[in-house]
């Protein structure tokens, strides 16, 4: 089995680090949106998993059924977080996948 070229490997790792930093930086500007209750509750989350906004339609506010509103907010936040994680995974996963091209088994 031929030995991997260490200089080339180091260059590839450095490029991957730069690409990873650029991708992480771009996630700050990415925003995903999710809603629940037919759009009664809408949540925006950044690619860094920070909740940016929560919008609640006034019609969703029923003093007699606060639990329904709570459930809608929870569902919208969880879906937005899932979508943001998926976005981050798609942006960062492709970069990390480049390790397999270094000739190192198991990467």
N, C-alpha and C. Protein backbone atom coordinates (compact mmCIF):
# COMPACT_ATOMS: atom_id res chain seq x y z
N UNK A 1 0.85 -1.18 0.00
CA UNK A 1 0.00 0.00 0.00
C UNK A 1 0.90 1.24 0.00
N UNK A 2 0.73 2.16 -0.98
CA UNK A 2 1.59 3.33 -1.05
C UNK A 2 1.34 4.28 0.12
N UNK A 3 2.39 4.94 0.55
CA UNK A 3 2.30 5.91 1.65
C UNK A 3 1.66 7.20 1.12
N UNK A 4 0.76 7.80 1.91
CA UNK A 4 0.16 9.06 1.47
C UNK A 4 1.21 10.18 1.49
N UNK A 5 1.09 11.10 0.55
CA UNK A 5 1.97 12.26 0.47
C UNK A 5 1.58 13.22 1.60
N UNK A 6 2.45 13.35 2.60
CA UNK A 6 2.11 14.15 3.79
C UNK A 6 1.93 15.63 3.46
N UNK A 7 2.73 16.16 2.55
CA UNK A 7 2.62 17.58 2.19
C UNK A 7 1.27 17.84 1.52
N UNK A 8 0.89 16.96 0.61
CA UNK A 8 -0.40 17.11 -0.08
C UNK A 8 -1.54 16.95 0.92
N UNK A 9 -1.40 16.00 1.84
CA UNK A 9 -2.42 15.78 2.85
C UNK A 9 -2.60 17.03 3.71
N UNK A 10 -1.49 17.64 4.12
CA UNK A 10 -1.54 18.84 4.94
C UNK A 10 -2.23 19.98 4.20
N UNK A 11 -1.94 20.12 2.91
CA UNK A 11 -2.60 21.16 2.11
C UNK A 11 -4.11 20.92 2.04
N UNK A 12 -4.49 19.65 1.85
CA UNK A 12 -5.91 19.33 1.77
C UNK A 12 -6.62 19.62 3.10
N UNK A 13 -5.97 19.29 4.20
CA UNK A 13 -6.57 19.53 5.52
C UNK A 13 -6.70 21.03 5.75
N UNK A 14 -5.69 21.81 5.37
CA UNK A 14 -5.76 23.26 5.55
C UNK A 14 -6.88 23.85 4.70
N UNK A 15 -7.05 23.37 3.47
CA UNK A 15 -8.13 23.86 2.61
C UNK A 15 -9.48 23.50 3.22
N UNK A 16 -9.58 22.27 3.74
CA UNK A 16 -10.84 21.86 4.36
C UNK A 16 -11.15 22.73 5.56
N UNK A 17 -10.15 23.09 6.34
CA UNK A 17 -10.37 23.97 7.49
C UNK A 17 -10.89 25.33 7.03
N UNK A 18 -10.28 25.87 5.97
CA UNK A 18 -10.74 27.15 5.44
C UNK A 18 -12.17 27.05 4.92
N UNK A 19 -12.47 25.97 4.19
CA UNK A 19 -13.82 25.75 3.68
C UNK A 19 -14.83 25.62 4.82
N UNK A 20 -14.43 24.91 5.88
CA UNK A 20 -15.32 24.71 7.03
C UNK A 20 -15.61 26.04 7.72
N UNK A 21 -14.59 26.86 7.91
CA UNK A 21 -14.79 28.17 8.53
C UNK A 21 -15.69 29.05 7.67
N UNK A 22 -15.49 29.02 6.36
CA UNK A 22 -16.34 29.80 5.46
C UNK A 22 -17.79 29.32 5.51
N UNK A 23 -17.98 28.02 5.55
CA UNK A 23 -19.34 27.46 5.61
C UNK A 23 -20.00 27.82 6.94
N UNK A 24 -19.25 27.73 8.04
CA UNK A 24 -19.80 28.09 9.35
C UNK A 24 -20.18 29.57 9.37
N UNK A 25 -19.34 30.40 8.78
CA UNK A 25 -19.62 31.84 8.74
C UNK A 25 -20.88 32.11 7.92
N UNK A 26 -21.05 31.40 6.82
CA UNK A 26 -22.23 31.63 5.98
C UNK A 26 -23.51 31.18 6.66
N UNK A 27 -23.41 30.22 7.60
CA UNK A 27 -24.60 29.76 8.31
C UNK A 27 -25.20 30.87 9.18
N UNK A 28 -24.38 31.83 9.59
CA UNK A 28 -24.89 32.95 10.39
C UNK A 28 -25.97 33.71 9.63
N UNK A 29 -25.82 33.78 8.30
CA UNK A 29 -26.73 34.56 7.48
C UNK A 29 -27.90 33.74 6.94
N UNK A 30 -27.85 32.44 7.09
CA UNK A 30 -28.92 31.57 6.61
C UNK A 30 -30.05 31.53 7.62
N UNK A 31 -31.28 31.56 7.15
CA UNK A 31 -32.45 31.50 8.03
C UNK A 31 -33.43 30.49 7.46
N UNK A 32 -33.92 29.61 8.32
CA UNK A 32 -34.98 28.68 7.92
C UNK A 32 -36.24 29.07 8.68
N UNK A 33 -37.37 28.72 8.11
CA UNK A 33 -38.66 29.07 8.71
C UNK A 33 -39.52 27.83 8.80
N UNK A 34 -40.26 27.72 9.88
CA UNK A 34 -41.20 26.61 10.05
C UNK A 34 -42.45 27.17 10.69
N UNK A 35 -43.56 26.51 10.40
CA UNK A 35 -44.82 26.97 11.00
C UNK A 35 -45.63 25.78 11.49
N UNK A 36 -46.60 26.10 12.32
CA UNK A 36 -47.50 25.08 12.87
C UNK A 36 -48.90 25.68 12.93
N UNK A 37 -49.86 24.80 13.06
CA UNK A 37 -51.25 25.27 13.16
C UNK A 37 -51.72 25.95 11.89
N UNK A 38 -51.28 25.44 10.75
CA UNK A 38 -51.71 26.03 9.49
C UNK A 38 -51.18 27.45 9.30
N UNK A 39 -50.02 27.73 9.85
CA UNK A 39 -49.42 29.05 9.71
C UNK A 39 -49.76 30.00 10.84
N UNK A 40 -50.47 29.51 11.84
CA UNK A 40 -50.84 30.37 12.97
C UNK A 40 -49.62 30.77 13.79
N UNK A 41 -48.61 29.90 13.82
CA UNK A 41 -47.36 30.18 14.54
C UNK A 41 -46.22 29.92 13.55
N UNK A 42 -45.35 30.91 13.40
CA UNK A 42 -44.21 30.80 12.49
C UNK A 42 -42.94 31.17 13.25
N UNK A 43 -41.89 30.36 13.06
CA UNK A 43 -40.63 30.56 13.76
C UNK A 43 -39.51 30.60 12.72
N UNK A 44 -38.58 31.55 12.91
CA UNK A 44 -37.38 31.63 12.08
C UNK A 44 -36.18 31.31 12.95
N UNK A 45 -35.27 30.48 12.41
CA UNK A 45 -34.06 30.07 13.13
C UNK A 45 -32.88 30.24 12.18
N UNK A 46 -31.77 30.75 12.70
CA UNK A 46 -30.56 30.91 11.88
C UNK A 46 -29.86 29.57 11.74
N UNK A 47 -28.91 29.52 10.82
CA UNK A 47 -28.10 28.32 10.63
C UNK A 47 -27.25 27.99 11.84
N UNK A 48 -27.10 28.96 12.75
CA UNK A 48 -26.36 28.72 14.00
C UNK A 48 -27.28 28.27 15.13
N UNK A 49 -28.53 27.95 14.79
CA UNK A 49 -29.54 27.45 15.73
C UNK A 49 -29.98 28.50 16.75
N UNK A 50 -29.98 29.77 16.33
CA UNK A 50 -30.52 30.84 17.17
C UNK A 50 -31.92 31.17 16.67
N UNK A 51 -32.90 31.20 17.59
CA UNK A 51 -34.25 31.56 17.21
C UNK A 51 -34.25 33.06 16.93
N UNK A 52 -34.61 33.41 15.69
CA UNK A 52 -34.56 34.80 15.25
C UNK A 52 -35.89 35.51 15.48
N UNK A 53 -36.99 34.80 15.24
CA UNK A 53 -38.30 35.42 15.45
C UNK A 53 -39.37 34.36 15.66
N UNK A 54 -40.41 34.78 16.36
CA UNK A 54 -41.61 33.97 16.57
C UNK A 54 -42.79 34.87 16.25
N UNK A 55 -43.61 34.45 15.28
CA UNK A 55 -44.81 35.22 14.93
C UNK A 55 -46.04 34.39 15.27
N UNK A 56 -46.97 35.02 15.97
CA UNK A 56 -48.20 34.34 16.37
C UNK A 56 -49.38 35.14 15.82
N UNK A 57 -50.20 34.48 15.03
CA UNK A 57 -51.41 35.11 14.51
C UNK A 57 -52.34 35.40 15.68
N UNK A 58 -52.88 36.61 15.79
CA UNK A 58 -53.78 36.93 16.91
C UNK A 58 -54.95 35.96 17.05
N UNK A 59 -55.37 35.35 15.95
CA UNK A 59 -56.48 34.39 16.02
C UNK A 59 -56.08 33.12 16.77
N UNK A 60 -54.78 32.89 16.93
CA UNK A 60 -54.31 31.69 17.63
C UNK A 60 -54.39 31.87 19.14
N UNK A 61 -54.62 33.09 19.59
CA UNK A 61 -54.63 33.37 21.02
C UNK A 61 -56.06 33.19 21.55
N UNK A 62 -56.27 32.08 22.22
CA UNK A 62 -57.57 31.79 22.83
C UNK A 62 -57.32 31.59 24.33
N UNK A 63 -57.75 32.54 25.15
CA UNK A 63 -57.50 32.43 26.59
C UNK A 63 -58.04 31.14 27.20
N UNK A 64 -59.01 30.53 26.54
CA UNK A 64 -59.59 29.29 27.04
C UNK A 64 -58.76 28.06 26.67
N UNK A 65 -57.83 28.23 25.73
CA UNK A 65 -57.04 27.09 25.27
C UNK A 65 -55.58 27.48 25.05
N UNK A 66 -54.93 27.87 26.11
CA UNK A 66 -53.53 28.28 26.05
C UNK A 66 -52.64 27.09 25.67
N UNK A 67 -53.02 25.90 26.07
CA UNK A 67 -52.22 24.71 25.78
C UNK A 67 -52.06 24.49 24.27
N UNK A 68 -53.09 24.77 23.49
CA UNK A 68 -52.99 24.61 22.05
C UNK A 68 -51.95 25.56 21.48
N UNK A 69 -51.94 26.80 21.93
CA UNK A 69 -50.95 27.77 21.48
C UNK A 69 -49.54 27.33 21.87
N UNK A 70 -49.40 26.85 23.09
CA UNK A 70 -48.09 26.36 23.54
C UNK A 70 -47.61 25.20 22.66
N UNK A 71 -48.51 24.29 22.34
CA UNK A 71 -48.16 23.15 21.49
C UNK A 71 -47.75 23.60 20.09
N UNK A 72 -48.45 24.61 19.55
CA UNK A 72 -48.10 25.11 18.22
C UNK A 72 -46.73 25.77 18.22
N UNK A 73 -46.44 26.56 19.26
CA UNK A 73 -45.13 27.21 19.36
C UNK A 73 -44.04 26.16 19.47
N UNK A 74 -44.25 25.18 20.32
CA UNK A 74 -43.28 24.11 20.50
C UNK A 74 -43.04 23.36 19.19
N UNK A 75 -44.10 23.02 18.48
CA UNK A 75 -43.97 22.29 17.21
C UNK A 75 -43.21 23.13 16.18
N UNK A 76 -43.53 24.40 16.08
CA UNK A 76 -42.86 25.26 15.10
C UNK A 76 -41.38 25.44 15.43
N UNK A 77 -41.06 25.63 16.71
CA UNK A 77 -39.65 25.78 17.11
C UNK A 77 -38.88 24.50 16.82
N UNK A 78 -39.43 23.37 17.18
CA UNK A 78 -38.73 22.10 16.95
C UNK A 78 -38.51 21.85 15.45
N UNK A 79 -39.51 22.15 14.64
CA UNK A 79 -39.36 21.95 13.19
C UNK A 79 -38.33 22.91 12.62
N UNK A 80 -38.32 24.16 13.07
CA UNK A 80 -37.33 25.12 12.58
C UNK A 80 -35.92 24.71 12.99
N UNK A 81 -35.75 24.23 14.21
CA UNK A 81 -34.44 23.76 14.65
C UNK A 81 -33.99 22.56 13.84
N UNK A 82 -34.91 21.64 13.56
CA UNK A 82 -34.57 20.47 12.75
C UNK A 82 -34.12 20.91 11.35
N UNK A 83 -34.84 21.87 10.76
CA UNK A 83 -34.50 22.36 9.43
C UNK A 83 -33.15 23.06 9.44
N UNK A 84 -32.86 23.82 10.48
CA UNK A 84 -31.57 24.51 10.59
C UNK A 84 -30.43 23.51 10.75
N UNK A 85 -30.65 22.45 11.52
CA UNK A 85 -29.63 21.42 11.68
C UNK A 85 -29.38 20.71 10.36
N UNK A 86 -30.44 20.46 9.62
CA UNK A 86 -30.32 19.82 8.31
C UNK A 86 -29.53 20.72 7.36
N UNK A 87 -29.79 22.02 7.40
CA UNK A 87 -29.06 22.97 6.57
C UNK A 87 -27.57 22.95 6.92
N UNK A 88 -27.26 23.01 8.21
CA UNK A 88 -25.86 22.99 8.66
C UNK A 88 -25.19 21.68 8.24
N UNK A 89 -25.89 20.59 8.41
CA UNK A 89 -25.33 19.29 8.05
C UNK A 89 -25.03 19.21 6.56
N UNK A 90 -25.92 19.76 5.74
CA UNK A 90 -25.69 19.71 4.29
C UNK A 90 -24.52 20.59 3.90
N UNK A 91 -24.35 21.73 4.55
CA UNK A 91 -23.24 22.63 4.22
C UNK A 91 -21.91 22.10 4.75
N UNK A 92 -21.90 21.59 5.95
CA UNK A 92 -20.65 21.17 6.58
C UNK A 92 -20.30 19.72 6.27
N UNK A 93 -21.30 18.90 6.04
CA UNK A 93 -21.07 17.48 5.81
C UNK A 93 -20.28 17.20 4.55
N UNK A 94 -20.54 17.96 3.49
CA UNK A 94 -19.81 17.76 2.25
C UNK A 94 -18.33 18.08 2.40
N UNK A 95 -18.03 19.06 3.23
CA UNK A 95 -16.63 19.42 3.45
C UNK A 95 -15.92 18.32 4.22
N UNK A 96 -16.53 17.85 5.29
CA UNK A 96 -15.91 16.81 6.12
C UNK A 96 -15.79 15.50 5.34
N UNK A 97 -16.66 15.29 4.39
CA UNK A 97 -16.60 14.08 3.59
C UNK A 97 -15.33 14.01 2.75
N UNK A 98 -14.66 15.14 2.57
CA UNK A 98 -13.44 15.17 1.79
C UNK A 98 -12.27 14.46 2.46
N UNK A 99 -12.39 14.10 3.71
CA UNK A 99 -11.32 13.39 4.40
C UNK A 99 -11.04 12.03 3.79
N UNK A 100 -12.05 11.42 3.20
CA UNK A 100 -11.86 10.11 2.62
C UNK A 100 -10.89 10.12 1.45
N UNK A 101 -10.73 11.26 0.79
CA UNK A 101 -9.84 11.37 -0.34
C UNK A 101 -8.37 11.51 0.04
N UNK A 102 -8.08 11.49 1.31
CA UNK A 102 -6.69 11.65 1.75
C UNK A 102 -5.91 10.34 1.77
N UNK A 103 -6.57 9.25 1.44
CA UNK A 103 -5.88 7.97 1.45
C UNK A 103 -5.73 7.38 2.84
N UNK A 104 -6.52 7.87 3.78
CA UNK A 104 -6.44 7.35 5.14
C UNK A 104 -7.62 6.41 5.36
N UNK A 105 -7.37 5.18 5.72
CA UNK A 105 -8.48 4.24 5.94
C UNK A 105 -9.35 4.69 7.12
N UNK A 106 -10.62 4.46 6.98
CA UNK A 106 -11.53 4.75 8.08
C UNK A 106 -12.02 6.17 8.12
N UNK A 107 -11.58 7.04 7.21
CA UNK A 107 -12.03 8.44 7.21
C UNK A 107 -12.91 8.68 6.03
